[in-house]
Amino acid sequence: MMFNSILSFLYVNALKPIVFQLDAEKVHDSFTDMGEWLGSYTFTRNLTEMLLQYRHISLERTLCGIHFPNPVGLSAGFDYEAKLTNILPSVGFGFATIGTVTLEPYQGNQPPRLGRFPKSRALLVNKGFKTIGAKAIIRKLENRTFEIPIGISIGNTNTVFSSLAARIEDITQTFQLFDESGVLHSYYELNISCPNTAEDQPFSHPKNLQTLLQSLQKLHVSRPVFLKMPIDFSEKETLALLRTADKSFVAGVIFGNLTKDKNNPDVHPDDKILWQQRHGNLSGKPTWNRSNHWIKFTRHHFHKRFVIIGTGGIFSGEDATIKLKLGADLVQLITGMVYNGPQMIGEINRYLAHL
C-alpha cells in the first residue's frame, strides 16, 4: 500500500506535469508503444504485475458466461491498435475492449485529435474511429490467448455512405470477419454513439438501430454483444433505445460515450470557452453525473435484463463503488488513468476488495 502511494505521488507530481506539456496524442502513442514492449517479455510483465496488480477472490464475477477476475476494465478508445493485450492483466485490469474497430482503415480526423481540459478533469477526443482496420486487427490477435476477457468494439467506417443499407452492411461485415476468425475474444461492443464521425450517430435512432440489430441477428454471432450508449439524450429518447435493445439479442449496455453537450454544467467555464474553439467531445468528469443517471435509470426500468457497464468519470475506488451501487455490474475507464496514473487500477481493486 505504501509503495502504491509512492507511485501515485511520483506520477501525479513528477511525470504528469511534464507529459501534460506535450502533445496529448504523441504522449498516448508513446505510452501504448511502451506498453506493447512491456507486454512482450515475461520479466517485464511479471515486474509490472508485482508493482501494480491487486488480486482478491471477492472481485471475481461471471457474467454472460464470461469470467472476469475483477470488475475494472479498460474502455474502448485507448488501445485501438490492439497493442496492449499482453500487459493489461499485469496492470490489473479485469477486462479490456479493443477499438473501436471498423471494416476499413481510417487515419483519424484532422489533428489535433486529442487534448486535455485539466480544470474539468477531462480529455477532448476527436479521433473519429482511428483504426488500422478489421483485417489488420485480426492478423495481430488471431490465435493468441488472453489472460483476461478481451472485447472488440465495432462501429461504422468513418466515411459517407450511400444508404442506410450500405452502412449496415459495413458493420455486419466487420462482425462476420471477427466471428469467423481465430481471434479468441470474449464479447463485442457495438458502438452506436461516437459523436466524432462523418455522419454523427445514425444508429442512435430507434428505427435505424432496430434495422441494424435485425441484420446482425441473422449472423448468429457467437459472443455476447454490449451496446455503447449515448449520454446526452433525454429520458424519452434513451428509453426508446433501451426498449429496442430489450427486444433483441443485446446482452448488455454501456453508459456511456463522450458528451457533446457544450452546455454541460460539469464542464469548467474556462474549458467551455476553449471547447467552442476546438473540434471533439469530452470524456472524464463531464460524463460522470450523466453516466450515473443512466446506470440507475436502466437498472430501475429493466431490472436484470441487461448487464450494465458503467464508464465515465472514474478517478478512484470511491467513484467505482458509486457506479456499482447504482446498478453497474462492471466499470470501465480511461481518463482517470491518464490523470492519476496506471497504479490507480490496483488502488480501485484494493478499495473494492476491502469493502
Protein backbone atom coordinates (compact mmCIF):
# COMPACT_ATOMS: atom_id res chain seq x y z
CA MET A 1 0.00 0.00 0.00
CA MET A 2 2.80 2.42 0.86
CA PHE A 3 4.63 1.61 -2.40
CA ASN A 4 1.43 2.22 -4.36
CA SER A 5 1.11 5.63 -2.70
CA ILE A 6 4.67 6.44 -3.73
CA LEU A 7 3.93 5.51 -7.35
CA SER A 8 0.82 7.67 -7.28
CA PHE A 9 2.75 10.64 -5.83
CA LEU A 10 5.51 10.31 -8.43
CA TYR A 11 3.07 10.06 -11.35
CA VAL A 12 0.86 12.96 -10.29
CA ASN A 13 3.61 15.31 -9.09
CA ALA A 14 6.62 14.44 -11.26
CA LEU A 15 5.63 12.70 -14.51
CA LYS A 16 2.23 14.19 -15.27
CA PRO A 17 3.32 17.87 -15.11
CA ILE A 18 5.93 17.07 -17.76
CA VAL A 19 3.85 14.97 -20.14
CA PHE A 20 0.85 17.32 -19.87
CA GLN A 21 3.05 19.96 -21.54
CA LEU A 22 3.48 17.71 -24.58
CA ASP A 23 1.13 16.87 -27.44
CA ALA A 24 -1.52 14.55 -26.00
CA GLU A 25 -1.72 12.16 -28.96
CA LYS A 26 2.07 11.78 -29.17
CA VAL A 27 2.16 11.00 -25.45
CA HIS A 28 -0.62 8.45 -25.91
CA ASP A 29 1.25 6.77 -28.77
CA SER A 30 4.47 6.67 -26.72
CA PHE A 31 2.70 5.10 -23.75
CA THR A 32 0.97 2.44 -25.85
CA ASP A 33 4.27 1.63 -27.59
CA MET A 34 5.89 1.27 -24.16
CA GLY A 35 3.01 -0.92 -23.01
CA GLU A 36 3.39 -3.13 -26.06
CA TRP A 37 7.10 -3.51 -25.31
CA LEU A 38 6.48 -4.29 -21.63
CA GLY A 39 3.97 -6.94 -22.63
CA SER A 40 6.43 -8.66 -24.96
CA TYR A 41 8.64 -10.15 -22.23
CA THR A 42 7.88 -12.38 -19.26
CA PHE A 43 10.22 -10.44 -16.99
CA THR A 44 8.65 -7.04 -17.70
CA ARG A 45 5.13 -8.46 -17.40
CA ASN A 46 5.97 -10.02 -14.04
CA LEU A 47 7.64 -6.83 -12.81
CA THR A 48 4.62 -4.75 -13.84
CA GLU A 49 2.34 -7.22 -12.08
CA MET A 50 4.41 -7.04 -8.90
CA LEU A 51 4.28 -3.23 -8.92
CA LEU A 52 0.69 -2.60 -9.97
CA GLN A 53 -1.66 -5.57 -9.83
CA TYR A 54 -4.03 -6.34 -6.97
CA ARG A 55 -5.98 -9.61 -6.83
CA HIS A 56 -8.68 -10.85 -4.49
CA ILE A 57 -11.22 -13.62 -4.88
CA SER A 58 -14.05 -11.29 -3.82
CA LEU A 59 -13.50 -9.26 -7.01
CA GLU A 60 -14.22 -12.16 -9.36
CA ARG A 61 -17.54 -12.42 -11.15
CA THR A 62 -19.13 -14.32 -14.04
CA LEU A 63 -21.50 -12.55 -16.43
CA CYS A 64 -22.88 -13.86 -19.72
CA GLY A 65 -20.74 -16.93 -19.17
CA ILE A 66 -17.57 -14.80 -19.08
CA HIS A 67 -15.30 -14.95 -16.03
CA PHE A 68 -13.95 -11.55 -15.01
CA PRO A 69 -11.05 -11.61 -12.49
CA ASN A 70 -12.19 -8.17 -11.33
CA PRO A 71 -14.81 -5.62 -12.42
CA VAL A 72 -12.44 -2.87 -13.63
CA GLY A 73 -11.95 -2.68 -17.39
CA LEU A 74 -10.23 -0.54 -19.99
CA SER A 75 -12.72 1.27 -22.21
CA ALA A 76 -12.61 1.27 -25.98
CA GLY A 77 -10.72 4.28 -27.33
CA PHE A 78 -7.34 3.71 -25.69
CA ASP A 79 -5.98 0.52 -27.26
CA TYR A 80 -7.44 0.97 -30.74
CA GLU A 81 -4.49 -0.76 -32.44
CA ALA A 82 -4.52 -3.85 -30.17
CA LYS A 83 -1.06 -3.22 -28.70
CA LEU A 84 -1.76 -3.80 -25.02
CA THR A 85 -3.49 -7.17 -24.59
CA ASN A 86 -0.35 -8.75 -23.06
CA ILE A 87 0.33 -6.04 -20.48
CA LEU A 88 -3.17 -5.04 -19.35
CA PRO A 89 -3.62 -8.05 -17.00
CA SER A 90 -0.33 -7.15 -15.29
CA VAL A 91 -1.51 -3.57 -14.81
CA GLY A 92 -4.52 -5.02 -13.00
CA PHE A 93 -7.41 -4.76 -15.46
CA GLY A 94 -10.10 -7.42 -15.25
CA PHE A 95 -11.12 -6.99 -18.90
CA ALA A 96 -10.43 -4.67 -21.82
CA THR A 97 -12.03 -3.53 -25.06
CA ILE A 98 -10.05 -3.14 -28.29
CA GLY A 99 -11.05 -0.46 -30.77
CA THR A 100 -13.35 0.92 -31.87
CA VAL A 101 -12.53 -1.18 -34.99
CA THR A 102 -14.11 -0.50 -38.38
CA LEU A 103 -14.20 -2.54 -41.57
CA GLU A 104 -11.85 -0.22 -43.45
CA PRO A 105 -8.78 1.56 -42.05
CA TYR A 106 -9.13 5.21 -41.13
CA GLN A 107 -6.24 7.53 -40.31
CA GLY A 108 -8.35 9.61 -37.94
CA ASN A 109 -9.89 13.05 -38.11
CA GLN A 110 -7.73 16.06 -38.80
CA PRO A 111 -5.38 16.79 -35.87
CA PRO A 112 -5.39 17.75 -33.12
CA ARG A 113 -7.24 14.55 -32.24
CA LEU A 114 -6.64 14.58 -28.51
CA GLY A 115 -6.40 17.29 -25.88
CA ARG A 116 -6.70 17.88 -22.14
CA PHE A 117 -9.04 20.04 -20.07
CA PRO A 118 -7.46 19.75 -16.60
CA LYS A 119 -9.88 22.15 -14.93
CA SER A 120 -12.73 19.81 -15.91
CA ARG A 121 -10.63 16.66 -15.42
CA ALA A 122 -11.48 15.72 -18.99
CA LEU A 123 -9.95 14.71 -22.29
CA LEU A 124 -11.02 16.32 -25.57
CA VAL A 125 -11.34 13.45 -28.05
CA ASN A 126 -11.61 13.82 -31.83
CA LYS A 127 -10.15 10.58 -33.21
CA GLY A 128 -13.23 9.61 -35.19
CA PHE A 129 -12.62 5.84 -35.07
CA LYS A 130 -8.95 5.99 -35.93
CA THR A 131 -8.07 2.38 -36.75
CA ILE A 132 -5.84 0.10 -38.81
CA GLY A 133 -8.99 -1.75 -39.88
CA ALA A 134 -10.64 -5.05 -39.02
CA LYS A 135 -8.43 -7.33 -41.10
CA ALA A 136 -5.21 -5.88 -39.66
CA ILE A 137 -6.52 -6.20 -36.08
CA ILE A 138 -7.48 -9.81 -36.77
CA ARG A 139 -3.99 -10.58 -38.07
CA LYS A 140 -2.49 -9.14 -34.86
CA LEU A 141 -4.76 -11.05 -32.50
CA GLU A 142 -5.58 -14.30 -34.27
CA ASN A 143 -4.89 -17.50 -32.30
CA ARG A 144 -3.45 -15.63 -29.32
CA THR A 145 -4.63 -16.47 -25.83
CA PHE A 146 -5.64 -13.74 -23.38
CA GLU A 147 -5.37 -13.74 -19.59
CA ILE A 148 -8.45 -11.54 -19.22
CA PRO A 149 -11.64 -11.19 -21.28
CA ILE A 150 -10.99 -9.12 -24.38
CA GLY A 151 -13.80 -7.39 -26.24
CA ILE A 152 -13.91 -5.99 -29.76
CA SER A 153 -15.66 -2.65 -30.20
CA ILE A 154 -17.19 -2.35 -33.67
CA GLY A 155 -18.51 0.75 -35.41
CA ASN A 156 -19.03 2.13 -38.89
CA THR A 157 -16.10 3.01 -41.11
CA ASN A 158 -15.81 6.78 -40.84
CA THR A 159 -17.00 7.79 -44.28
CA VAL A 160 -20.17 8.98 -46.03
CA PHE A 161 -22.36 6.04 -47.08
CA SER A 162 -24.77 5.98 -49.99
CA SER A 163 -27.56 4.50 -47.91
CA LEU A 164 -28.52 3.07 -44.54
CA ALA A 165 -28.29 -0.41 -46.06
CA ALA A 166 -24.67 0.21 -47.08
CA ARG A 167 -23.87 1.44 -43.58
CA ILE A 168 -25.44 -1.68 -42.05
CA GLU A 169 -23.53 -3.93 -44.44
CA ASP A 170 -20.28 -2.26 -43.36
CA ILE A 171 -20.95 -3.18 -39.72
CA THR A 172 -22.26 -6.70 -40.39
CA GLN A 173 -19.18 -7.50 -42.47
CA THR A 174 -16.96 -6.47 -39.57
CA PHE A 175 -18.86 -8.69 -37.14
CA GLN A 176 -18.69 -11.57 -39.60
CA LEU A 177 -14.93 -11.18 -40.10
CA PHE A 178 -14.27 -11.37 -36.37
CA ASP A 179 -16.77 -14.13 -35.70
CA GLU A 180 -15.25 -16.33 -38.40
CA SER A 181 -11.67 -15.52 -37.40
CA GLY A 182 -9.37 -17.22 -34.93
CA VAL A 183 -9.45 -14.26 -32.53
CA LEU A 184 -10.27 -15.58 -29.05
CA HIS A 185 -12.21 -12.56 -27.83
CA SER A 186 -14.98 -12.87 -25.24
CA TYR A 187 -17.53 -10.23 -26.25
CA TYR A 188 -18.44 -7.48 -28.71
CA GLU A 189 -19.20 -3.84 -28.14
CA LEU A 190 -21.49 -2.27 -30.73
CA ASN A 191 -20.60 1.43 -30.73
CA ILE A 192 -23.63 3.40 -31.92
CA SER A 193 -22.79 6.60 -30.07
CA CYS A 194 -19.45 8.07 -31.19
CA PRO A 195 -20.09 11.81 -31.78
CA ASN A 196 -16.91 12.38 -33.84
CA THR A 197 -17.73 10.60 -37.11
CA ALA A 198 -18.75 11.84 -40.56
CA GLU A 199 -22.48 11.18 -40.21
CA ASP A 200 -22.80 11.57 -36.43
CA GLN A 201 -24.89 8.82 -34.76
CA PRO A 202 -27.41 7.32 -37.22
CA PHE A 203 -27.97 4.18 -35.13
CA SER A 204 -28.89 6.16 -32.05
CA HIS A 205 -32.34 6.45 -33.65
CA PRO A 206 -34.54 3.51 -32.60
CA LYS A 207 -35.79 2.57 -36.09
CA ASN A 208 -32.28 2.52 -37.53
CA LEU A 209 -30.99 0.59 -34.53
CA GLN A 210 -33.78 -1.96 -34.90
CA THR A 211 -32.92 -2.49 -38.57
CA LEU A 212 -29.23 -2.92 -37.70
CA LEU A 213 -29.94 -5.39 -34.90
CA GLN A 214 -32.23 -7.41 -37.15
CA SER A 215 -29.41 -7.71 -39.69
CA LEU A 216 -26.91 -8.72 -37.02
CA GLN A 217 -29.38 -11.28 -35.63
CA LYS A 218 -29.08 -13.20 -38.91
CA LEU A 219 -25.35 -13.67 -38.28
CA HIS A 220 -25.95 -15.57 -35.02
CA VAL A 221 -22.77 -14.10 -33.56
CA SER A 222 -21.07 -16.39 -31.07
CA ARG A 223 -20.30 -13.85 -28.32
CA PRO A 224 -22.42 -11.52 -26.19
CA VAL A 225 -22.98 -8.04 -27.62
CA PHE A 226 -22.94 -4.92 -25.42
CA LEU A 227 -24.38 -1.67 -26.75
CA LYS A 228 -22.31 1.51 -26.24
CA MET A 229 -24.89 4.18 -25.46
CA PRO A 230 -25.02 7.99 -25.79
CA ILE A 231 -25.32 10.02 -22.60
CA ASP A 232 -26.69 13.36 -23.80
CA PHE A 233 -30.16 12.15 -24.81
CA SER A 234 -33.43 12.76 -22.97
CA GLU A 235 -35.05 10.05 -20.87
CA LYS A 236 -37.66 9.52 -23.58
CA GLU A 237 -35.01 9.05 -26.28
CA THR A 238 -32.86 6.79 -24.12
CA LEU A 239 -35.80 4.66 -23.06
CA ALA A 240 -36.74 4.17 -26.72
CA LEU A 241 -33.23 2.89 -27.49
CA LEU A 242 -33.26 0.60 -24.46
CA ARG A 243 -36.64 -0.84 -25.43
CA THR A 244 -35.30 -1.54 -28.91
CA ALA A 245 -32.31 -3.33 -27.40
CA ASP A 246 -34.59 -5.19 -24.99
CA LYS A 247 -36.43 -6.82 -27.91
CA SER A 248 -33.16 -8.05 -29.43
CA PHE A 249 -30.23 -10.32 -28.63
CA VAL A 250 -28.26 -7.47 -26.98
CA ALA A 251 -26.86 -8.77 -23.68
CA GLY A 252 -25.81 -5.53 -22.07
CA VAL A 253 -25.43 -1.77 -22.31
CA ILE A 254 -22.51 0.54 -21.63
CA PHE A 255 -23.15 4.03 -20.24
CA GLY A 256 -21.70 5.73 -21.85
CA ASN A 257 -19.87 7.59 -24.55
CA LEU A 258 -18.45 11.12 -24.76
CA THR A 259 -20.52 14.18 -24.00
CA LYS A 260 -21.00 16.58 -26.89
CA ASP A 261 -23.27 18.97 -24.97
CA LYS A 262 -21.41 22.27 -24.85
CA ASN A 263 -23.83 23.49 -22.19
CA ASN A 264 -22.90 20.59 -19.91
CA PRO A 265 -22.82 22.10 -16.38
CA ASP A 266 -19.98 19.79 -15.34
CA VAL A 267 -17.55 21.48 -17.75
CA HIS A 268 -15.49 24.27 -16.17
CA PRO A 269 -16.42 27.73 -17.57
CA ASP A 270 -12.88 28.32 -18.85
CA ASP A 271 -12.94 24.98 -20.66
CA LYS A 272 -16.32 25.80 -22.22
CA ILE A 273 -14.68 28.78 -23.90
CA LEU A 274 -11.81 26.61 -25.18
CA TRP A 275 -14.24 23.92 -26.32
CA GLN A 276 -16.06 26.38 -28.58
CA GLN A 277 -12.81 26.83 -30.50
CA ARG A 278 -11.91 23.14 -30.88
CA HIS A 279 -13.23 20.01 -32.53
CA GLY A 280 -14.07 16.97 -30.44
CA ASN A 281 -16.05 15.92 -27.40
CA LEU A 282 -15.32 15.24 -23.74
CA SER A 283 -14.60 12.23 -21.58
CA GLY A 284 -13.89 12.15 -17.85
CA LYS A 285 -15.73 14.06 -15.13
CA PRO A 286 -18.12 15.90 -17.51
CA THR A 287 -19.65 12.46 -18.22
CA TRP A 288 -19.82 11.39 -14.55
CA ASN A 289 -23.29 12.55 -13.50
CA ARG A 290 -24.97 11.58 -16.75
CA SER A 291 -23.40 8.12 -16.76
CA ASN A 292 -24.55 7.58 -13.19
CA HIS A 293 -28.08 8.72 -14.02
CA TRP A 294 -28.39 6.27 -16.91
CA ILE A 295 -27.00 3.35 -14.90
CA LYS A 296 -29.64 3.89 -12.22
CA PHE A 297 -32.34 4.57 -14.82
CA THR A 298 -31.61 1.36 -16.75
CA ARG A 299 -31.47 -0.82 -13.66
CA HIS A 300 -34.77 0.66 -12.44
CA HIS A 301 -36.63 0.13 -15.73
CA PHE A 302 -35.11 -3.16 -16.89
CA HIS A 303 -34.02 -4.83 -13.64
CA LYS A 304 -31.67 -7.73 -14.52
CA ARG A 305 -32.43 -7.77 -18.27
CA PHE A 306 -29.09 -6.16 -19.18
CA VAL A 307 -25.55 -6.45 -17.96
CA ILE A 308 -24.68 -2.80 -17.25
CA ILE A 309 -21.14 -1.48 -17.67
CA GLY A 310 -20.57 1.95 -16.16
CA THR A 311 -17.95 4.22 -17.65
CA GLY A 312 -17.33 7.94 -17.32
CA GLY A 313 -15.51 9.94 -14.68
CA ILE A 314 -14.00 7.15 -12.56
CA PHE A 315 -10.95 8.57 -10.78
CA SER A 316 -10.91 6.48 -7.59
CA GLY A 317 -12.18 3.42 -5.79
CA GLU A 318 -14.96 5.53 -4.33
CA ASP A 319 -16.06 6.51 -7.84
CA ALA A 320 -16.14 2.89 -8.98
CA THR A 321 -18.13 1.93 -5.90
CA ILE A 322 -20.77 4.57 -6.62
CA LYS A 323 -21.33 3.22 -10.12
CA LEU A 324 -21.56 -0.35 -8.85
CA LYS A 325 -24.03 0.62 -6.11
CA LEU A 326 -26.19 2.45 -8.64
CA GLY A 327 -26.55 -0.77 -10.60
CA ALA A 328 -23.47 -1.33 -12.76
CA ASP A 329 -22.13 -4.88 -12.93
CA LEU A 330 -18.74 -3.77 -14.25
CA VAL A 331 -16.92 -0.46 -14.74
CA GLN A 332 -14.53 0.88 -17.37
CA LEU A 333 -12.20 3.85 -17.51
CA ILE A 334 -9.52 5.69 -19.48
CA THR A 335 -9.39 9.33 -18.40
CA GLY A 336 -8.90 8.66 -14.69
CA MET A 337 -5.85 6.55 -15.51
CA VAL A 338 -4.43 9.34 -17.68
CA TYR A 339 -4.83 11.85 -14.85
CA ASN A 340 -3.91 9.65 -11.88
CA GLY A 341 -1.60 7.00 -13.31
CA PRO A 342 -1.80 3.25 -14.08
CA GLN A 343 -1.36 2.30 -10.40
CA MET A 344 -4.92 3.57 -9.95
CA ILE A 345 -6.31 0.27 -11.30
CA GLY A 346 -4.79 -1.66 -8.40
CA GLU A 347 -5.93 1.05 -5.99
CA ILE A 348 -9.53 0.69 -7.18
CA ASN A 349 -9.47 -3.09 -6.90
CA ARG A 350 -7.94 -2.92 -3.41
CA TYR A 351 -10.63 -0.46 -2.35
CA LEU A 352 -13.42 -2.67 -3.72
CA ALA A 353 -12.00 -5.78 -2.05
CA HIS A 354 -11.70 -4.04 1.32
CA LEU A 355 -15.37 -3.07 1.20
